[in-house]
N, C-alpha and C. Protein backbone atom coordinates (compact mmCIF):
# COMPACT_ATOMS: atom_id res chain seq x y z
N MET A 1 112.80 102.42 99.82
CA MET A 1 113.09 102.71 98.79
C MET A 1 113.43 104.03 98.23
N SER A 2 114.69 104.29 97.70
CA SER A 2 115.45 105.55 97.69
C SER A 2 114.37 106.55 96.73
N ALA A 3 114.32 107.76 97.23
CA ALA A 3 113.36 108.92 96.03
C ALA A 3 114.32 109.76 96.26
N VAL A 4 114.08 110.67 94.65
CA VAL A 4 114.93 112.23 94.21
C VAL A 4 113.84 113.04 94.38
N ALA A 5 113.90 114.09 94.67
CA ALA A 5 113.65 115.49 94.94
C ALA A 5 113.63 115.87 93.42
N THR A 6 112.41 116.57 92.86
CA THR A 6 112.51 117.12 91.79
C THR A 6 112.18 118.73 91.67
N SER A 7 111.93 119.29 90.65
CA SER A 7 111.84 120.54 90.83
C SER A 7 110.41 120.92 91.28
N ALA A 8 109.47 119.98 90.81
CA ALA A 8 107.97 120.19 91.37
C ALA A 8 107.70 120.14 92.88
N GLY A 9 108.84 119.95 93.77
CA GLY A 9 109.15 119.69 95.02
C GLY A 9 108.65 118.52 95.60
N GLU A 10 108.19 117.62 94.94
CA GLU A 10 107.65 116.21 95.06
C GLU A 10 108.35 115.19 94.58
N PRO A 11 108.89 113.98 95.74
CA PRO A 11 109.83 112.73 95.09
C PRO A 11 109.42 112.30 94.18
N VAL A 12 109.95 111.49 93.79
CA VAL A 12 110.00 110.54 92.83
C VAL A 12 110.69 109.23 93.07
N THR A 13 109.85 108.08 93.34
CA THR A 13 110.47 106.84 93.76
C THR A 13 111.57 106.22 92.33
N ALA A 14 112.37 105.58 92.61
CA ALA A 14 113.27 104.36 91.63
C ALA A 14 112.38 104.53 90.35
N LEU A 15 110.44 103.62 90.82
CA LEU A 15 110.04 103.33 89.75
C LEU A 15 109.28 104.03 89.15
N GLY A 16 109.27 105.42 89.62
CA GLY A 16 108.54 106.67 88.76
C GLY A 16 107.48 107.10 89.55
N PHE A 17 107.11 106.53 90.67
CA PHE A 17 105.78 106.66 91.63
C PHE A 17 105.96 107.78 92.11
N THR A 18 105.00 108.94 92.54
CA THR A 18 105.40 110.18 92.81
C THR A 18 103.87 110.83 92.84
N LEU A 19 103.99 111.85 93.95
CA LEU A 19 102.52 112.57 94.64
C LEU A 19 102.63 113.81 93.70
N GLN A 20 103.34 114.30 92.83
CA GLN A 20 103.34 115.36 92.01
C GLN A 20 102.50 114.81 90.82
N GLU A 21 102.12 115.89 90.32
CA GLU A 21 101.06 115.88 88.90
C GLU A 21 101.82 115.68 87.39
N LEU A 22 101.38 114.28 86.94
CA LEU A 22 102.24 113.97 85.81
C LEU A 22 101.42 114.20 84.62
N GLN A 23 101.87 114.52 83.51
CA GLN A 23 101.11 114.40 82.02
C GLN A 23 101.31 113.24 81.55
N TRP A 24 100.65 112.92 80.32
CA TRP A 24 100.62 111.78 80.03
C TRP A 24 100.70 112.12 78.39
N ALA A 25 101.32 111.12 77.88
CA ALA A 25 101.67 111.57 75.96
C ALA A 25 101.40 110.15 75.59
N SER A 26 100.76 110.28 74.46
CA SER A 26 99.78 109.34 73.66
C SER A 26 101.03 109.03 72.62
N TRP A 27 101.36 107.51 72.57
CA TRP A 27 102.19 107.12 71.37
C TRP A 27 101.22 107.17 70.06
N LEU A 28 99.90 107.33 69.96
CA LEU A 28 99.18 107.35 68.80
C LEU A 28 99.01 108.59 68.51
N THR A 29 98.31 109.17 67.15
CA THR A 29 97.93 110.39 66.77
C THR A 29 96.30 110.32 67.90
N THR A 30 96.54 111.82 68.36
CA THR A 30 94.93 112.20 68.94
C THR A 30 93.84 112.74 68.16
N VAL A 31 92.84 112.61 68.51
CA VAL A 31 91.91 113.44 67.67
C VAL A 31 91.87 114.87 68.01
N ASP A 32 91.50 115.80 66.88
CA ASP A 32 91.90 117.09 67.31
C ASP A 32 90.61 117.56 67.65
N ALA A 33 90.37 118.29 68.78
CA ALA A 33 89.33 118.56 69.38
C ALA A 33 88.29 119.80 68.48
N ALA A 34 89.62 120.30 67.75
CA ALA A 34 88.88 121.44 67.12
C ALA A 34 88.41 120.89 65.71
N THR A 35 88.59 119.87 65.67
CA THR A 35 87.92 119.15 64.11
C THR A 35 86.93 118.06 64.61
N ALA A 36 87.13 117.87 65.87
CA ALA A 36 86.04 116.43 66.03
C ALA A 36 84.41 116.82 65.60
N THR A 37 83.75 115.66 65.35
CA THR A 37 82.38 115.52 65.24
C THR A 37 81.54 115.97 66.42
N PRO A 38 80.34 116.51 66.22
CA PRO A 38 79.47 116.98 67.08
C PRO A 38 79.13 115.72 68.22
N GLN A 39 79.50 114.17 67.40
CA GLN A 39 79.14 113.21 68.23
C GLN A 39 80.18 112.94 69.40
N GLN A 40 81.42 113.22 68.97
CA GLN A 40 82.84 113.09 69.34
C GLN A 40 83.13 114.10 70.67
N LEU A 41 82.18 115.19 70.14
CA LEU A 41 82.62 116.35 71.52
C LEU A 41 81.26 116.08 72.41
N ALA A 42 79.86 115.51 71.91
CA ALA A 42 79.16 115.16 73.19
C ALA A 42 79.88 114.38 74.01
N VAL A 43 80.64 112.86 73.58
CA VAL A 43 81.07 112.07 74.30
C VAL A 43 82.13 112.67 75.25
N LEU A 44 83.05 113.63 74.67
CA LEU A 44 83.86 114.15 75.65
C LEU A 44 83.43 114.74 77.01
N ASP A 45 82.48 115.86 76.44
CA ASP A 45 81.55 116.68 77.12
C ASP A 45 80.98 115.21 78.71
N GLU A 46 80.38 114.42 78.15
CA GLU A 46 79.97 113.49 78.69
C GLU A 46 80.71 113.03 79.81
N SER A 47 82.05 112.69 79.25
CA SER A 47 82.99 112.05 80.02
C SER A 47 83.58 112.76 81.32
N THR A 48 84.22 114.16 81.12
CA THR A 48 84.88 114.75 82.31
C THR A 48 85.15 116.03 81.79
N PRO A 49 84.76 117.20 82.85
CA PRO A 49 85.39 118.36 82.51
C PRO A 49 86.43 118.79 81.61
N SER A 50 87.43 117.89 81.79
CA SER A 50 88.87 118.43 81.23
C SER A 50 88.84 117.60 79.91
N ALA A 51 88.08 116.60 79.08
CA ALA A 51 88.12 115.72 78.63
C ALA A 51 88.48 116.32 77.15
N ARG A 52 88.34 117.49 76.81
CA ARG A 52 88.46 118.06 75.61
C ARG A 52 90.16 118.44 75.54
N THR A 53 90.82 118.62 76.82
CA THR A 53 92.16 118.76 76.59
C THR A 53 92.95 117.76 77.13
N SER A 54 92.81 116.37 77.07
CA SER A 54 93.65 115.53 77.63
C SER A 54 93.77 114.69 76.37
N PRO A 55 95.03 114.44 76.22
CA PRO A 55 95.83 113.19 75.60
C PRO A 55 94.93 112.07 75.40
N TYR A 56 94.53 111.76 76.70
CA TYR A 56 94.19 110.22 77.06
C TYR A 56 92.86 110.04 76.45
N TYR A 57 91.82 110.81 76.49
CA TYR A 57 90.75 111.35 76.39
C TYR A 57 90.29 111.21 74.66
N LEU A 58 91.50 112.11 74.28
CA LEU A 58 91.68 112.48 73.02
C LEU A 58 91.79 111.19 72.17
N THR A 59 92.75 110.38 72.51
CA THR A 59 93.26 108.98 72.32
C THR A 59 91.85 108.18 72.10
N LEU A 60 91.39 108.00 73.17
CA LEU A 60 90.29 106.83 73.22
C LEU A 60 89.47 107.41 72.12
N LEU A 61 89.19 108.64 71.91
CA LEU A 61 88.07 109.39 71.04
C LEU A 61 87.73 108.67 69.73
N HIS A 62 89.29 108.10 69.33
CA HIS A 62 89.17 107.24 68.14
C HIS A 62 87.84 106.25 68.18
N ASP A 63 87.18 105.53 68.77
CA ASP A 63 86.47 104.97 69.20
C ASP A 63 85.20 105.41 70.16
N VAL A 64 84.21 106.07 69.48
CA VAL A 64 83.57 107.00 70.42
C VAL A 64 82.50 106.17 71.33
N ASP A 65 81.88 104.90 70.81
CA ASP A 65 81.24 104.42 71.45
C ASP A 65 81.83 103.63 72.56
N ALA A 66 82.96 103.21 72.42
CA ALA A 66 83.97 102.43 73.58
C ALA A 66 84.24 103.36 74.50
N LEU A 67 84.20 104.77 74.00
CA LEU A 67 84.73 105.86 75.03
C LEU A 67 83.17 105.88 75.99
N ARG A 68 82.38 106.07 75.13
CA ARG A 68 80.80 106.74 76.17
C ARG A 68 81.01 105.64 77.07
N GLU A 69 80.89 104.18 76.99
CA GLU A 69 80.91 103.11 77.80
C GLU A 69 81.90 102.98 78.73
N ARG A 70 83.05 103.32 78.47
CA ARG A 70 84.30 103.39 79.57
C ARG A 70 83.85 104.52 80.49
N SER A 71 83.60 105.61 80.41
CA SER A 71 83.64 107.00 80.80
C SER A 71 82.19 106.70 81.43
N ARG A 72 81.12 106.38 81.49
CA ARG A 72 79.87 106.01 82.05
C ARG A 72 80.13 105.17 83.14
N LEU A 73 81.27 104.14 82.97
CA LEU A 73 81.32 102.91 83.97
C LEU A 73 82.32 103.71 84.60
N PHE A 74 83.26 104.06 84.70
CA PHE A 74 84.07 105.07 85.43
C PHE A 74 83.47 105.72 86.12
N ASN A 75 82.68 106.89 86.03
CA ASN A 75 81.71 107.73 86.66
C ASN A 75 81.32 106.98 87.79
N ALA A 76 80.31 105.93 87.20
CA ALA A 76 79.49 105.31 88.04
C ALA A 76 80.25 104.33 89.59
N VAL A 77 81.30 103.83 89.01
CA VAL A 77 82.04 103.16 90.07
C VAL A 77 82.74 104.13 90.80
N MET A 78 83.37 105.29 90.38
CA MET A 78 84.42 106.20 91.25
C MET A 78 83.65 107.16 91.97
N TYR A 79 82.36 107.47 91.62
CA TYR A 79 81.61 108.51 91.93
C TYR A 79 80.26 108.20 92.37
N GLY A 80 79.78 106.99 92.52
CA GLY A 80 78.24 106.85 92.66
C GLY A 80 78.17 106.85 94.19
N GLN A 81 77.05 107.21 94.54
CA GLN A 81 76.54 107.72 95.87
C GLN A 81 76.35 106.54 96.92
N GLY A 82 76.89 106.64 98.14
CA GLY A 82 76.62 105.68 98.98
C GLY A 82 78.07 104.51 98.87
N GLY A 83 78.03 103.39 99.77
CA GLY A 83 78.92 102.65 99.86
C GLY A 83 79.97 103.28 100.29
N LEU A 84 80.97 102.26 99.54
CA LEU A 84 82.56 102.48 99.75
C LEU A 84 82.84 104.05 99.85
N PRO A 85 83.10 104.66 100.86
CA PRO A 85 83.95 106.24 100.69
C PRO A 85 84.94 106.35 99.64
N ARG A 86 84.25 107.52 99.14
CA ARG A 86 85.23 107.65 98.04
C ARG A 86 86.56 107.94 98.19
N ALA A 87 87.12 108.49 99.41
CA ALA A 87 88.51 108.48 99.39
C ALA A 87 89.26 106.76 99.01
N GLU A 88 88.34 105.66 100.13
CA GLU A 88 88.97 104.56 99.99
C GLU A 88 89.08 103.77 98.27
N ARG A 89 87.73 103.92 97.67
CA ARG A 89 87.79 104.02 96.49
C ARG A 89 89.28 104.36 95.40
N GLU A 90 89.44 105.52 96.12
CA GLU A 90 90.65 106.29 95.34
C GLU A 90 92.21 105.20 95.80
N LEU A 91 91.96 105.06 96.95
CA LEU A 91 93.30 104.54 97.18
C LEU A 91 93.21 102.64 96.97
N SER A 92 92.34 102.37 97.09
CA SER A 92 92.35 100.89 96.11
C SER A 92 92.58 100.94 94.90
N THR A 93 92.54 101.89 93.80
CA THR A 93 92.99 102.04 92.72
C THR A 93 94.46 102.36 92.76
N VAL A 94 94.69 103.41 93.75
CA VAL A 94 96.48 103.45 94.08
C VAL A 94 96.99 101.93 93.92
N ALA A 95 96.28 101.17 94.63
CA ALA A 95 97.29 99.88 95.26
C ALA A 95 97.39 99.18 93.90
N VAL A 96 96.36 99.11 93.20
CA VAL A 96 96.15 98.25 91.71
C VAL A 96 97.11 99.01 90.88
N SER A 97 97.48 100.44 90.95
CA SER A 97 98.15 100.71 90.10
C SER A 97 99.94 100.69 90.68
N ARG A 98 99.63 100.62 91.57
CA ARG A 98 101.16 100.28 92.34
C ARG A 98 101.51 99.00 91.92
N VAL A 99 100.70 98.17 92.18
CA VAL A 99 100.82 96.61 91.55
C VAL A 99 101.22 96.55 89.94
N ASN A 100 100.21 97.12 89.27
CA ASN A 100 100.64 97.03 87.93
C ASN A 100 101.61 97.98 87.22
N GLY A 101 102.27 99.02 88.23
CA GLY A 101 103.31 99.57 87.60
C GLY A 101 102.86 100.97 86.86
N CYS A 102 101.46 101.53 87.13
CA CYS A 102 101.31 102.86 86.24
C CYS A 102 101.49 103.62 87.07
N PRO A 103 102.64 104.58 87.26
CA PRO A 103 102.81 105.54 87.89
C PRO A 103 101.77 106.92 87.71
N TYR A 104 101.21 106.95 86.40
CA TYR A 104 100.53 108.23 86.15
C TYR A 104 99.35 107.93 86.83
N CYS A 105 98.31 106.82 87.00
CA CYS A 105 97.10 106.56 87.61
C CYS A 105 97.40 106.54 89.23
N ALA A 106 98.43 106.06 89.55
CA ALA A 106 98.98 106.07 91.05
C ALA A 106 99.17 107.52 91.55
N SER A 107 99.44 108.49 90.71
CA SER A 107 99.54 109.85 90.91
C SER A 107 98.50 110.40 91.13
N VAL A 108 97.71 110.23 89.70
CA VAL A 108 96.23 111.11 90.00
C VAL A 108 95.41 110.76 91.08
N HIS A 109 95.48 109.14 91.47
CA HIS A 109 94.26 108.88 92.34
C HIS A 109 94.77 108.91 93.86
N ALA A 110 96.04 108.77 94.40
CA ALA A 110 96.81 109.20 95.39
C ALA A 110 96.78 110.40 95.55
N ARG A 111 96.91 111.47 94.70
CA ARG A 111 96.39 112.92 95.07
C ARG A 111 95.01 113.11 95.47
N LEU A 112 94.13 112.37 94.90
CA LEU A 112 92.65 112.40 95.13
C LEU A 112 92.74 111.93 96.47
N PHE A 113 93.32 111.02 96.60
CA PHE A 113 92.99 110.38 98.07
C PHE A 113 93.68 111.05 99.20
N VAL A 114 94.70 111.83 99.02
CA VAL A 114 95.24 112.93 99.99
C VAL A 114 94.30 113.95 100.29
N GLN A 115 93.64 114.55 98.97
CA GLN A 115 92.84 115.44 99.24
C GLN A 115 91.62 115.19 100.15
N LEU A 116 91.19 114.20 99.51
CA LEU A 116 89.89 113.42 100.56
C LEU A 116 89.54 113.43 101.77
N ALA A 117 91.13 112.40 101.93
CA ALA A 117 91.18 111.61 103.40
C ALA A 117 92.07 112.46 104.07
N LYS A 118 93.22 113.58 103.54
CA LYS A 118 93.98 114.35 104.64
C LYS A 118 94.82 113.20 105.25
N ASP A 119 95.36 112.62 104.55
CA ASP A 119 96.09 111.59 104.77
C ASP A 119 97.39 111.31 104.06
N ARG A 120 98.22 112.05 103.80
CA ARG A 120 99.51 112.05 102.66
C ARG A 120 100.28 111.22 103.04
N ASP A 121 100.44 110.54 104.41
CA ASP A 121 101.77 109.55 104.78
C ASP A 121 101.27 108.17 104.31
N SER A 122 100.13 107.81 104.50
CA SER A 122 99.72 106.74 103.65
C SER A 122 99.64 106.03 102.34
N ALA A 123 99.70 107.56 101.86
CA ALA A 123 99.41 107.60 100.06
C ALA A 123 101.26 107.54 99.74
N TRP A 124 101.65 108.37 100.24
CA TRP A 124 103.22 108.13 100.00
C TRP A 124 103.78 106.86 100.37
N ARG A 125 103.45 106.70 101.49
CA ARG A 125 104.16 105.16 101.70
C ARG A 125 104.06 104.38 100.90
N LEU A 126 103.06 104.12 100.51
CA LEU A 126 102.19 102.86 99.19
C LEU A 126 102.61 103.03 97.98
N LEU A 127 103.04 104.66 97.46
CA LEU A 127 103.92 104.72 96.32
C LEU A 127 105.41 104.33 96.53
N ASP A 128 105.77 104.98 97.77
CA ASP A 128 107.36 104.59 98.23
C ASP A 128 107.80 103.50 98.25
N GLU A 129 107.02 102.40 99.44
CA GLU A 129 107.39 101.26 100.11
C GLU A 129 107.24 100.28 99.15
N GLY A 130 105.52 100.64 98.51
CA GLY A 130 104.88 99.41 97.94
C GLY A 130 103.57 99.05 98.82
N VAL A 131 102.95 97.91 98.28
CA VAL A 131 101.85 97.52 98.56
C VAL A 131 101.94 97.17 100.35
N ALA A 132 103.24 96.41 100.76
CA ALA A 132 103.05 95.92 101.56
C ALA A 132 103.60 96.84 102.77
N THR A 133 103.70 98.12 102.92
CA THR A 133 103.65 99.08 103.59
C THR A 133 102.79 99.08 104.88
N PRO A 134 103.15 99.52 106.12
CA PRO A 134 102.21 99.46 107.36
C PRO A 134 101.05 100.48 107.03
N LEU A 135 99.72 99.97 107.27
CA LEU A 135 98.77 100.75 107.26
C LEU A 135 97.94 100.35 108.33
N SER A 136 96.42 101.14 108.49
CA SER A 136 95.53 100.85 109.25
C SER A 136 94.92 99.53 109.00
N PRO A 137 93.94 99.15 110.07
CA PRO A 137 93.58 97.82 109.54
C PRO A 137 92.71 98.09 108.35
N ARG A 138 91.75 98.72 108.29
CA ARG A 138 90.75 99.10 107.32
C ARG A 138 91.41 99.50 106.00
N LEU A 139 92.68 100.18 105.83
CA LEU A 139 93.63 100.47 104.58
C LEU A 139 94.18 99.07 104.18
N ARG A 140 94.64 98.46 105.30
CA ARG A 140 95.59 97.15 104.95
C ARG A 140 94.49 96.46 104.36
N ALA A 141 93.32 96.01 104.91
CA ALA A 141 92.55 95.11 104.04
C ALA A 141 91.81 95.42 102.99
N LEU A 142 91.80 96.74 102.72
CA LEU A 142 91.36 96.98 101.14
C LEU A 142 92.65 96.66 100.33
N VAL A 143 94.00 97.22 100.49
CA VAL A 143 95.03 97.02 99.78
C VAL A 143 95.44 95.75 99.80
N ASP A 144 95.20 94.64 100.40
CA ASP A 144 95.43 93.51 100.18
C ASP A 144 94.39 92.79 99.28
N TYR A 145 93.10 92.92 99.37
CA TYR A 145 92.16 92.84 98.57
C TYR A 145 92.42 93.42 97.14
N ALA A 146 93.00 94.35 96.87
CA ALA A 146 93.44 94.95 95.47
C ALA A 146 94.44 94.43 95.31
N VAL A 147 95.44 94.09 96.03
CA VAL A 147 96.26 93.61 95.67
C VAL A 147 96.40 91.75 94.80
N ALA A 148 95.53 91.20 95.79
CA ALA A 148 95.05 89.93 95.28
C ALA A 148 94.08 89.75 93.81
N LEU A 149 93.12 90.90 93.92
CA LEU A 149 92.24 90.80 92.59
C LEU A 149 93.19 91.00 91.51
N SER A 150 94.07 91.90 91.69
CA SER A 150 94.75 92.53 90.46
C SER A 150 95.98 91.62 89.87
N ALA A 151 96.84 91.18 90.81
CA ALA A 151 97.64 90.17 90.42
C ALA A 151 97.45 88.99 90.09
N THR A 152 96.44 88.06 90.68
CA THR A 152 95.95 87.07 90.14
C THR A 152 94.54 86.71 90.85
N PRO A 153 93.46 87.53 89.81
CA PRO A 153 92.07 87.35 90.32
C PRO A 153 91.65 86.30 91.22
N PRO A 154 91.77 85.05 90.66
CA PRO A 154 91.48 83.61 91.62
C PRO A 154 91.73 83.45 92.60
N SER A 155 92.72 84.36 93.15
CA SER A 155 93.19 84.38 94.61
C SER A 155 92.50 85.23 95.68
N ALA A 156 91.75 85.52 94.71
CA ALA A 156 91.26 86.91 95.88
C ALA A 156 89.81 86.22 96.57
N GLY A 157 89.88 85.56 97.49
CA GLY A 157 88.84 84.99 97.82
C GLY A 157 88.29 85.16 99.60
N ALA A 158 87.70 84.09 99.80
CA ALA A 158 87.23 83.92 101.61
C ALA A 158 88.01 84.69 102.37
N ARG A 159 89.33 84.49 102.37
CA ARG A 159 90.37 85.22 102.89
C ARG A 159 90.06 86.53 102.93
N GLU A 160 90.47 86.99 101.63
CA GLU A 160 90.45 88.74 102.02
C GLU A 160 89.10 89.06 102.27
N ILE A 161 87.89 88.48 101.78
CA ILE A 161 86.55 89.26 102.28
C ILE A 161 86.51 89.35 103.73
N ALA A 162 86.66 87.64 104.32
CA ALA A 162 86.80 88.20 105.62
C ALA A 162 87.65 89.29 106.32
N ALA A 163 88.47 89.26 105.78
CA ALA A 163 89.65 90.27 106.26
C ALA A 163 88.72 91.85 106.28
N LEU A 164 88.10 91.87 105.18
CA LEU A 164 87.35 93.35 104.60
C LEU A 164 86.40 93.24 105.74
N ARG A 165 85.49 92.03 106.11
CA ARG A 165 84.48 92.21 106.65
C ARG A 165 84.84 92.66 108.36
N ALA A 166 86.11 91.91 108.64
CA ALA A 166 86.57 92.35 110.11
C ALA A 166 87.08 93.95 110.29
N ALA A 167 87.39 94.24 109.18
CA ALA A 167 87.90 95.59 109.12
C ALA A 167 86.79 96.72 109.25
N GLY A 168 85.76 96.21 109.28
CA GLY A 168 84.19 96.96 109.31
C GLY A 168 83.43 97.06 107.96
N LEU A 169 84.03 96.60 106.75
CA LEU A 169 83.34 96.94 105.32
C LEU A 169 81.96 96.00 105.62
N ASP A 170 80.94 96.66 104.88
CA ASP A 170 79.75 95.68 104.73
C ASP A 170 80.00 95.11 103.02
N ALA A 171 78.85 94.54 102.61
CA ALA A 171 78.51 94.05 101.47
C ALA A 171 78.79 95.39 100.45
N LEU A 172 77.96 96.35 100.52
CA LEU A 172 77.85 97.02 99.39
C LEU A 172 79.30 97.84 99.33
N GLU A 173 80.10 97.87 100.60
CA GLU A 173 81.25 98.64 100.27
C GLU A 173 82.34 97.42 99.94
N ILE A 174 82.28 96.39 99.99
CA ILE A 174 83.13 95.40 99.40
C ILE A 174 82.79 95.26 97.81
N LEU A 175 81.43 95.29 97.70
CA LEU A 175 81.20 95.49 96.02
C LEU A 175 81.58 96.62 95.35
N ASP A 176 81.59 97.95 96.02
CA ASP A 176 82.07 99.20 95.07
C ASP A 176 83.71 98.91 95.30
N ALA A 177 84.27 98.65 96.22
CA ALA A 177 85.94 98.06 96.14
C ALA A 177 86.21 96.96 95.12
N THR A 178 85.20 95.93 95.06
CA THR A 178 85.77 95.02 93.72
C THR A 178 85.75 95.59 92.45
N HIS A 179 84.54 96.85 92.30
CA HIS A 179 84.47 97.44 90.79
C HIS A 179 85.34 98.04 90.49
N ALA A 180 86.03 98.84 91.72
CA ALA A 180 86.99 99.89 91.50
C ALA A 180 88.19 99.35 91.01
N ILE A 181 88.33 98.18 91.97
CA ILE A 181 89.59 97.75 91.77
C ILE A 181 89.78 97.00 90.33
N ALA A 182 88.74 96.37 89.73
CA ALA A 182 88.72 95.38 88.90
C ALA A 182 88.81 96.41 87.40
N MET A 183 87.96 97.52 87.57
CA MET A 183 88.05 98.59 86.48
C MET A 183 89.57 98.89 86.24
N PHE A 184 90.20 99.29 87.33
CA PHE A 184 91.62 100.12 87.44
C PHE A 184 92.64 99.05 86.59
N ALA A 185 92.59 97.57 86.81
CA ALA A 185 93.46 96.48 86.89
C ALA A 185 93.22 96.68 85.04
N TRP A 186 92.07 96.47 84.49
CA TRP A 186 91.82 97.08 83.05
C TRP A 186 92.37 98.16 82.71
N ALA A 187 91.74 99.04 83.16
CA ALA A 187 92.46 101.02 82.86
C ALA A 187 94.20 101.04 82.93
N ASN A 188 94.44 100.19 83.85
CA ASN A 188 96.17 100.87 83.86
C ASN A 188 96.65 100.13 82.53
N ARG A 189 96.26 98.87 82.32
CA ARG A 189 96.73 98.34 80.90
C ARG A 189 96.54 99.05 79.85
N LEU A 190 95.26 99.53 79.88
CA LEU A 190 94.79 100.14 78.58
C LEU A 190 95.73 101.47 78.46
N MET A 191 96.05 102.33 79.43
CA MET A 191 96.66 103.44 79.43
C MET A 191 98.45 103.27 79.22
N GLN A 192 98.90 102.36 79.79
CA GLN A 192 100.01 101.66 79.59
C GLN A 192 100.49 101.01 78.17
N THR A 193 99.82 100.73 77.44
CA THR A 193 99.41 100.25 76.16
C THR A 193 99.50 101.57 75.03
N LEU A 194 98.95 102.30 75.59
CA LEU A 194 98.49 103.32 74.53
C LEU A 194 99.79 104.69 74.76
N GLY A 195 100.04 104.89 75.57
CA GLY A 195 101.23 106.01 76.01
C GLY A 195 102.35 105.89 77.24
N GLU A 196 102.44 107.04 77.64
CA GLU A 196 103.73 106.98 78.78
C GLU A 196 103.41 108.36 79.75
N PRO A 197 103.75 108.10 80.81
CA PRO A 197 103.94 109.38 81.75
C PRO A 197 104.75 110.56 81.26
N VAL A 198 104.51 111.57 81.99
CA VAL A 198 105.78 112.91 81.57
C VAL A 198 105.75 113.39 82.51
N TYR A 199 106.91 113.42 83.18
CA TYR A 199 107.32 114.07 84.62
C TYR A 199 107.69 115.41 84.13
N PRO A 200 107.49 116.35 85.00
CA PRO A 200 107.92 117.91 84.94
C PRO A 200 109.68 118.23 85.08
N ASP A 201 110.13 119.06 84.13
CA ASP A 201 111.52 118.85 84.32
C ASP A 201 111.99 119.29 85.48
């Protein structure tokens, strides 16, 4: 797939995928953190250190209870101790975001994978060439599982689990992958329904 270089120094694919840092613009009016209630501010601070300035979190803040539960789930799934290595959780979400056509999520989590795994090549090829790009056996099994579970959940079954086990993943790692993949299959759709990515000039 052809890619075009930008002033940010990172190429962008024809479908908009990139390793450069993107912004996100809400199609809805966001909550103003300066006038937010104490309850709203508490939920933002519980979510992530950057939540008070994030258009996405400030959009979700319209429903305080839903954002609280969403943030707790996200933090438990992505940052939980043990199980699947953090880098592989990130790569699983990149595969989901690639399938679902969510360049913003793919960019965020591809950059985190690169940072954690020191493997820019795999991340970029997944963004540029798609989910069928050649990968190591372990990453291939994770990506195939993410694709099956994202596109048509009932199609992810015994074959994909056997491939994960053959690649060395144990039961807890497979469960962690399942949680990350399932959460992002939902999160991509939510983000794309509420706004759009913004590319640097």
